[in-house]
Amino acid sequence: MTDLNSGGASAQIGFTLAELLIVVVLVVILAAIALPNLLRSQIAANETAAIESLAKINKAEVEYQTTYPTIGFASTLEALGPDIPDGKCREKTPAHACLIESALATAASPAHNRSGYWFAVSPTSRDAGGVITGYVAGASAGVLNKTGSRDFCSQEDAVIRYSVPQRSSAPASSAPACGAMTILQ
């Protein structure tokens, strides 16, 4: 510290440049240690939210199939959600069954994601009458290794599976692609 009193008693105010540099170096070191842990924590939280969202989609698909047996499972996220323009549910219809919230029903692209993940629902099988008897619900990280490091999917069996992709990709949309993923324990 600098001595500003020329008399006998010393009154020290302020910091020297060396002291300030030491503080800056310590802050940089702490940030270098903390930031990777913070990023890993955020990725883990986003992946947990994606898994929970897939569980919600699975539950909504079962309810949709029960409510609309002549249609079967919903073929899109929009069909599971509310009326998209305002996100409110005025009337439950096969086009907007109001079974999941608007934020999830519209999270269908990297630009419109939910907790760093985007989602898709695709029909995978139909019976002779055209009733949808199978589906795949998939979730992909909006920005790989920044918002998430794994992709997830589930089918009508409600088992959630995952893979670690090498590059960003669209959510799984076929039964073989989802079935090839590892079962989440």
C-alpha atoms as a PDB file:
ATOM      1  CA  MET A   1       0.000   0.000   0.000  1.00  0.00           C
ATOM      2  CA  THR A   2       1.081   3.592  -0.536  1.00  0.00           C
ATOM      3  CA  ASP A   3       2.002   5.856   2.401  1.00  0.00           C
ATOM      4  CA  LEU A   4       0.163   9.146   1.953  1.00  0.00           C
ATOM      5  CA  ASN A   5       1.125  10.668   5.283  1.00  0.00           C
ATOM      6  CA  SER A   6       4.510  12.370   5.385  1.00  0.00           C
ATOM      7  CA  GLY A   7       4.288  12.830   9.160  1.00  0.00           C
ATOM      8  CA  GLY A   8       5.377  10.256  11.699  1.00  0.00           C
ATOM      9  CA  ALA A   9       2.215   8.095  11.698  1.00  0.00           C
ATOM     10  CA  SER A  10       1.602   6.071   8.613  1.00  0.00           C
ATOM     11  CA  ALA A  11      -1.879   6.100   6.943  1.00  0.00           C
ATOM     12  CA  GLN A  12      -2.033   3.655   4.076  1.00  0.00           C
ATOM     13  CA  ILE A  13      -4.740   3.934   1.426  1.00  0.00           C
ATOM     14  CA  GLY A  14      -5.223   2.074  -1.847  1.00  0.00           C
ATOM     15  CA  PHE A  15      -3.453  -0.837  -3.497  1.00  0.00           C
ATOM     16  CA  THR A  16      -0.206  -1.041  -5.390  1.00  0.00           C
ATOM     17  CA  LEU A  17      -0.133  -2.303  -8.954  1.00  0.00           C
ATOM     18  CA  ALA A  18       1.481  -5.556  -7.814  1.00  0.00           C
ATOM     19  CA  GLU A  19      -1.329  -6.203  -5.331  1.00  0.00           C
ATOM     20  CA  LEU A  20      -3.961  -5.569  -7.997  1.00  0.00           C
ATOM     21  CA  LEU A  21      -2.213  -7.920 -10.423  1.00  0.00           C
ATOM     22  CA  ILE A  22      -2.143 -10.662  -7.786  1.00  0.00           C
ATOM     23  CA  VAL A  23      -5.900 -10.260  -7.260  1.00  0.00           C
ATOM     24  CA  VAL A  24      -6.544 -10.382 -11.025  1.00  0.00           C
ATOM     25  CA  VAL A  25      -4.415 -13.530 -11.393  1.00  0.00           C
ATOM     26  CA  LEU A  26      -6.308 -15.214  -8.533  1.00  0.00           C
ATOM     27  CA  VAL A  27      -9.675 -14.325 -10.097  1.00  0.00           C
ATOM     28  CA  VAL A  28      -8.570 -15.725 -13.473  1.00  0.00           C
ATOM     29  CA  ILE A  29      -7.363 -18.961 -11.849  1.00  0.00           C
ATOM     30  CA  LEU A  30     -10.633 -19.379  -9.940  1.00  0.00           C
ATOM     31  CA  ALA A  31     -12.642 -18.709 -13.107  1.00  0.00           C
ATOM     32  CA  ALA A  32     -10.597 -21.279 -15.045  1.00  0.00           C
ATOM     33  CA  ILE A  33     -11.394 -23.855 -12.375  1.00  0.00           C
ATOM     34  CA  ALA A  34     -15.075 -22.956 -11.945  1.00  0.00           C
ATOM     35  CA  LEU A  35     -16.251 -22.443 -15.544  1.00  0.00           C
ATOM     36  CA  PRO A  36     -15.788 -26.029 -16.806  1.00  0.00           C
ATOM     37  CA  ASN A  37     -17.623 -27.323 -13.729  1.00  0.00           C
ATOM     38  CA  LEU A  38     -20.407 -24.818 -14.328  1.00  0.00           C
ATOM     39  CA  LEU A  39     -20.706 -25.928 -17.971  1.00  0.00           C
ATOM     40  CA  ARG A  40     -20.838 -29.605 -16.946  1.00  0.00           C
ATOM     41  CA  SER A  41     -23.518 -28.788 -14.376  1.00  0.00           C
ATOM     42  CA  GLN A  42     -25.580 -26.936 -16.992  1.00  0.00           C
ATOM     43  CA  ILE A  43     -25.279 -29.825 -19.463  1.00  0.00           C
ATOM     44  CA  ALA A  44     -26.353 -32.296 -16.755  1.00  0.00           C
ATOM     45  CA  ALA A  45     -29.368 -30.126 -15.889  1.00  0.00           C
ATOM     46  CA  ASN A  46     -30.353 -29.808 -19.568  1.00  0.00           C
ATOM     47  CA  GLU A  47     -30.045 -33.571 -20.099  1.00  0.00           C
ATOM     48  CA  THR A  48     -32.193 -34.252 -17.030  1.00  0.00           C
ATOM     49  CA  ALA A  49     -34.817 -31.823 -18.348  1.00  0.00           C
ATOM     50  CA  ALA A  50     -34.750 -33.573 -21.760  1.00  0.00           C
ATOM     51  CA  ILE A  51     -35.287 -36.970 -20.121  1.00  0.00           C
ATOM     52  CA  GLU A  52     -38.189 -35.569 -18.078  1.00  0.00           C
ATOM     53  CA  SER A  53     -39.683 -34.024 -21.233  1.00  0.00           C
ATOM     54  CA  LEU A  54     -39.522 -37.379 -23.041  1.00  0.00           C
ATOM     55  CA  ALA A  55     -41.299 -38.992 -20.079  1.00  0.00           C
ATOM     56  CA  LYS A  56     -44.021 -36.312 -20.380  1.00  0.00           C
ATOM     57  CA  ILE A  57     -44.318 -36.988 -24.110  1.00  0.00           C
ATOM     58  CA  ASN A  58     -44.637 -40.740 -23.465  1.00  0.00           C
ATOM     59  CA  LYS A  59     -47.395 -40.162 -20.909  1.00  0.00           C
ATOM     60  CA  ALA A  60     -49.169 -37.756 -23.269  1.00  0.00           C
ATOM     61  CA  GLU A  61     -48.946 -40.265 -26.146  1.00  0.00           C
ATOM     62  CA  VAL A  62     -50.674 -42.954 -24.048  1.00  0.00           C
ATOM     63  CA  GLU A  63     -53.411 -40.511 -23.067  1.00  0.00           C
ATOM     64  CA  TYR A  64     -53.768 -39.366 -26.689  1.00  0.00           C
ATOM     65  CA  GLN A  65     -54.108 -42.965 -27.900  1.00  0.00           C
ATOM     66  CA  THR A  66     -56.753 -43.628 -25.232  1.00  0.00           C
ATOM     67  CA  THR A  67     -58.673 -40.434 -26.054  1.00  0.00           C
ATOM     68  CA  TYR A  68     -58.483 -40.837 -29.847  1.00  0.00           C
ATOM     69  CA  PRO A  69     -58.428 -44.622 -30.489  1.00  0.00           C
ATOM     70  CA  THR A  70     -59.318 -44.219 -34.175  1.00  0.00           C
ATOM     71  CA  ILE A  71     -56.149 -42.135 -34.671  1.00  0.00           C
ATOM     72  CA  GLY A  72     -53.811 -44.002 -32.312  1.00  0.00           C
ATOM     73  CA  PHE A  73     -50.684 -42.205 -31.162  1.00  0.00           C
ATOM     74  CA  ALA A  74     -50.106 -38.538 -32.039  1.00  0.00           C
ATOM     75  CA  SER A  75     -47.926 -38.028 -35.087  1.00  0.00           C
ATOM     76  CA  THR A  76     -46.482 -34.632 -34.037  1.00  0.00           C
ATOM     77  CA  LEU A  77     -45.603 -32.621 -30.949  1.00  0.00           C
ATOM     78  CA  GLU A  78     -48.174 -30.029 -32.022  1.00  0.00           C
ATOM     79  CA  ALA A  79     -50.953 -32.607 -31.749  1.00  0.00           C
ATOM     80  CA  LEU A  80     -50.022 -33.219 -28.111  1.00  0.00           C
ATOM     81  CA  GLY A  81     -49.919 -29.528 -27.189  1.00  0.00           C
ATOM     82  CA  PRO A  82     -52.332 -26.604 -26.992  1.00  0.00           C
ATOM     83  CA  ASP A  83     -53.391 -24.313 -29.815  1.00  0.00           C
ATOM     84  CA  ILE A  84     -49.971 -23.014 -30.862  1.00  0.00           C
ATOM     85  CA  PRO A  85     -50.616 -19.323 -31.715  1.00  0.00           C
ATOM     86  CA  ASP A  86     -51.264 -18.282 -28.113  1.00  0.00           C
ATOM     87  CA  GLY A  87     -50.349 -21.425 -26.189  1.00  0.00           C
ATOM     88  CA  LYS A  88     -53.754 -21.666 -24.575  1.00  0.00           C
ATOM     89  CA  CYS A  89     -56.087 -24.618 -24.653  1.00  0.00           C
ATOM     90  CA  ARG A  90     -59.569 -23.608 -25.720  1.00  0.00           C
ATOM     91  CA  GLU A  91     -60.807 -26.992 -26.825  1.00  0.00           C
ATOM     92  CA  LYS A  92     -59.172 -30.410 -26.890  1.00  0.00           C
ATOM     93  CA  THR A  93     -59.061 -31.781 -30.427  1.00  0.00           C
ATOM     94  CA  PRO A  94     -56.950 -34.387 -32.237  1.00  0.00           C
ATOM     95  CA  ALA A  95     -54.956 -31.486 -33.736  1.00  0.00           C
ATOM     96  CA  HIS A  96     -54.309 -29.917 -30.292  1.00  0.00           C
ATOM     97  CA  ALA A  97     -55.023 -32.340 -27.456  1.00  0.00           C
ATOM     98  CA  CYS A  98     -53.609 -30.047 -24.717  1.00  0.00           C
ATOM     99  CA  LEU A  99     -51.636 -32.875 -23.080  1.00  0.00           C
ATOM    100  CA  ILE A 100     -48.245 -31.106 -22.889  1.00  0.00           C
ATOM    101  CA  GLU A 101     -47.397 -27.464 -22.322  1.00  0.00           C
ATOM    102  CA  SER A 102     -46.827 -25.091 -25.212  1.00  0.00           C
ATOM    103  CA  ALA A 103     -43.090 -24.694 -24.474  1.00  0.00           C
ATOM    104  CA  LEU A 104     -42.556 -28.411 -25.129  1.00  0.00           C
ATOM    105  CA  ALA A 105     -45.012 -28.650 -28.037  1.00  0.00           C
ATOM    106  CA  THR A 106     -43.141 -25.890 -29.893  1.00  0.00           C
ATOM    107  CA  ALA A 107     -39.573 -27.026 -29.061  1.00  0.00           C
ATOM    108  CA  ALA A 108     -39.186 -28.537 -32.517  1.00  0.00           C
ATOM    109  CA  SER A 109     -35.959 -26.919 -33.753  1.00  0.00           C
ATOM    110  CA  PRO A 110     -32.577 -25.816 -32.390  1.00  0.00           C
ATOM    111  CA  ALA A 111     -33.820 -22.220 -32.525  1.00  0.00           C
ATOM    112  CA  HIS A 112     -36.973 -23.119 -30.572  1.00  0.00           C
ATOM    113  CA  ASN A 113     -35.657 -25.442 -27.898  1.00  0.00           C
ATOM    114  CA  ARG A 114     -36.524 -26.316 -24.327  1.00  0.00           C
ATOM    115  CA  SER A 115     -33.645 -26.324 -21.835  1.00  0.00           C
ATOM    116  CA  GLY A 116     -31.140 -26.627 -24.671  1.00  0.00           C
ATOM    117  CA  TYR A 117     -32.868 -29.563 -26.406  1.00  0.00           C
ATOM    118  CA  TRP A 118     -35.234 -29.805 -29.339  1.00  0.00           C
ATOM    119  CA  PHE A 119     -37.766 -32.572 -29.819  1.00  0.00           C
ATOM    120  CA  ALA A 120     -39.620 -34.492 -32.513  1.00  0.00           C
ATOM    121  CA  VAL A 121     -42.360 -37.113 -32.589  1.00  0.00           C
ATOM    122  CA  SER A 122     -42.706 -39.416 -35.594  1.00  0.00           C
ATOM    123  CA  PRO A 123     -45.135 -42.261 -36.291  1.00  0.00           C
ATOM    124  CA  THR A 124     -43.320 -45.545 -36.930  1.00  0.00           C
ATOM    125  CA  SER A 125     -46.129 -47.993 -37.679  1.00  0.00           C
ATOM    126  CA  ARG A 126     -49.815 -48.142 -38.610  1.00  0.00           C
ATOM    127  CA  ASP A 127     -52.345 -50.929 -38.643  1.00  0.00           C
ATOM    128  CA  ALA A 128     -54.405 -51.891 -41.708  1.00  0.00           C
ATOM    129  CA  GLY A 129     -56.951 -49.185 -40.847  1.00  0.00           C
ATOM    130  CA  GLY A 130     -54.312 -46.448 -40.712  1.00  0.00           C
ATOM    131  CA  VAL A 131     -54.301 -46.164 -36.908  1.00  0.00           C
ATOM    132  CA  ILE A 132     -50.848 -45.148 -35.639  1.00  0.00           C
ATOM    133  CA  THR A 133     -49.595 -48.051 -33.515  1.00  0.00           C
ATOM    134  CA  GLY A 134     -46.002 -46.943 -32.928  1.00  0.00           C
ATOM    135  CA  TYR A 135     -44.045 -43.740 -32.482  1.00  0.00           C
ATOM    136  CA  VAL A 136     -40.585 -42.418 -31.701  1.00  0.00           C
ATOM    137  CA  ALA A 137     -40.039 -39.329 -29.572  1.00  0.00           C
ATOM    138  CA  GLY A 138     -36.527 -37.940 -29.903  1.00  0.00           C
ATOM    139  CA  ALA A 139     -34.500 -35.174 -28.266  1.00  0.00           C
ATOM    140  CA  SER A 140     -31.262 -33.638 -29.569  1.00  0.00           C
ATOM    141  CA  ALA A 141     -28.992 -31.022 -28.034  1.00  0.00           C
ATOM    142  CA  GLY A 142     -29.436 -27.615 -29.627  1.00  0.00           C
ATOM    143  CA  VAL A 143     -25.656 -27.081 -29.555  1.00  0.00           C
ATOM    144  CA  LEU A 144     -23.726 -30.304 -29.072  1.00  0.00           C
ATOM    145  CA  ASN A 145     -21.387 -30.261 -26.048  1.00  0.00           C
ATOM    146  CA  LYS A 146     -22.679 -26.844 -24.963  1.00  0.00           C
ATOM    147  CA  THR A 147     -26.359 -27.463 -24.200  1.00  0.00           C
ATOM    148  CA  GLY A 148     -26.059 -31.252 -24.021  1.00  0.00           C
ATOM    149  CA  SER A 149     -23.715 -34.086 -24.918  1.00  0.00           C
ATOM    150  CA  ARG A 150     -26.214 -36.912 -25.498  1.00  0.00           C
ATOM    151  CA  ASP A 151     -29.254 -37.485 -27.709  1.00  0.00           C
ATOM    152  CA  PHE A 152     -32.290 -39.266 -26.268  1.00  0.00           C
ATOM    153  CA  CYS A 153     -35.273 -41.154 -27.642  1.00  0.00           C
ATOM    154  CA  SER A 154     -38.194 -43.280 -26.574  1.00  0.00           C
ATOM    155  CA  GLN A 155     -40.797 -45.406 -28.307  1.00  0.00           C
ATOM    156  CA  GLU A 156     -44.225 -46.678 -27.339  1.00  0.00           C
ATOM    157  CA  ASP A 157     -42.536 -48.970 -24.779  1.00  0.00           C
ATOM    158  CA  ALA A 158     -41.630 -45.766 -22.815  1.00  0.00           C
ATOM    159  CA  VAL A 159     -38.013 -46.911 -22.355  1.00  0.00           C
ATOM    160  CA  ILE A 160     -35.673 -43.942 -22.668  1.00  0.00           C
ATOM    161  CA  ARG A 161     -32.494 -44.551 -24.644  1.00  0.00           C
ATOM    162  CA  TYR A 162     -29.466 -42.404 -25.393  1.00  0.00           C
ATOM    163  CA  SER A 163     -26.493 -42.068 -27.695  1.00  0.00           C
ATOM    164  CA  VAL A 164     -23.402 -39.872 -27.705  1.00  0.00           C
ATOM    165  CA  PRO A 165     -23.353 -38.309 -31.173  1.00  0.00           C
ATOM    166  CA  GLN A 166     -20.180 -37.182 -32.916  1.00  0.00           C
ATOM    167  CA  ARG A 167     -21.941 -34.178 -34.446  1.00  0.00           C
ATOM    168  CA  SER A 168     -25.219 -32.315 -34.072  1.00  0.00           C
ATOM    169  CA  SER A 169     -28.158 -34.128 -35.594  1.00  0.00           C
ATOM    170  CA  ALA A 170     -31.934 -34.137 -35.705  1.00  0.00           C
ATOM    171  CA  PRO A 171     -33.807 -36.100 -33.031  1.00  0.00           C
ATOM    172  CA  ALA A 172     -34.254 -39.827 -33.713  1.00  0.00           C
ATOM    173  CA  SER A 173     -37.275 -40.368 -35.941  1.00  0.00           C
ATOM    174  CA  SER A 174     -37.270 -44.085 -36.723  1.00  0.00           C
ATOM    175  CA  ALA A 175     -37.738 -47.210 -34.631  1.00  0.00           C
ATOM    176  CA  PRO A 176     -34.427 -48.754 -35.808  1.00  0.00           C
ATOM    177  CA  ALA A 177     -32.468 -45.575 -34.971  1.00  0.00           C
ATOM    178  CA  CYS A 178     -34.010 -45.352 -31.512  1.00  0.00           C
ATOM    179  CA  GLY A 179     -33.764 -49.086 -30.875  1.00  0.00           C
ATOM    180  CA  ALA A 180     -30.027 -48.995 -31.618  1.00  0.00           C
ATOM    181  CA  MET A 181     -29.404 -46.527 -28.790  1.00  0.00           C
ATOM    182  CA  THR A 182     -28.300 -47.584 -25.306  1.00  0.00           C
ATOM    183  CA  ILE A 183     -31.017 -48.003 -22.665  1.00  0.00           C
ATOM    184  CA  LEU A 184     -30.757 -45.306 -19.998  1.00  0.00           C
ATOM    185  CA  GLN A 185     -30.210 -46.875 -16.577  1.00  0.00           C
END
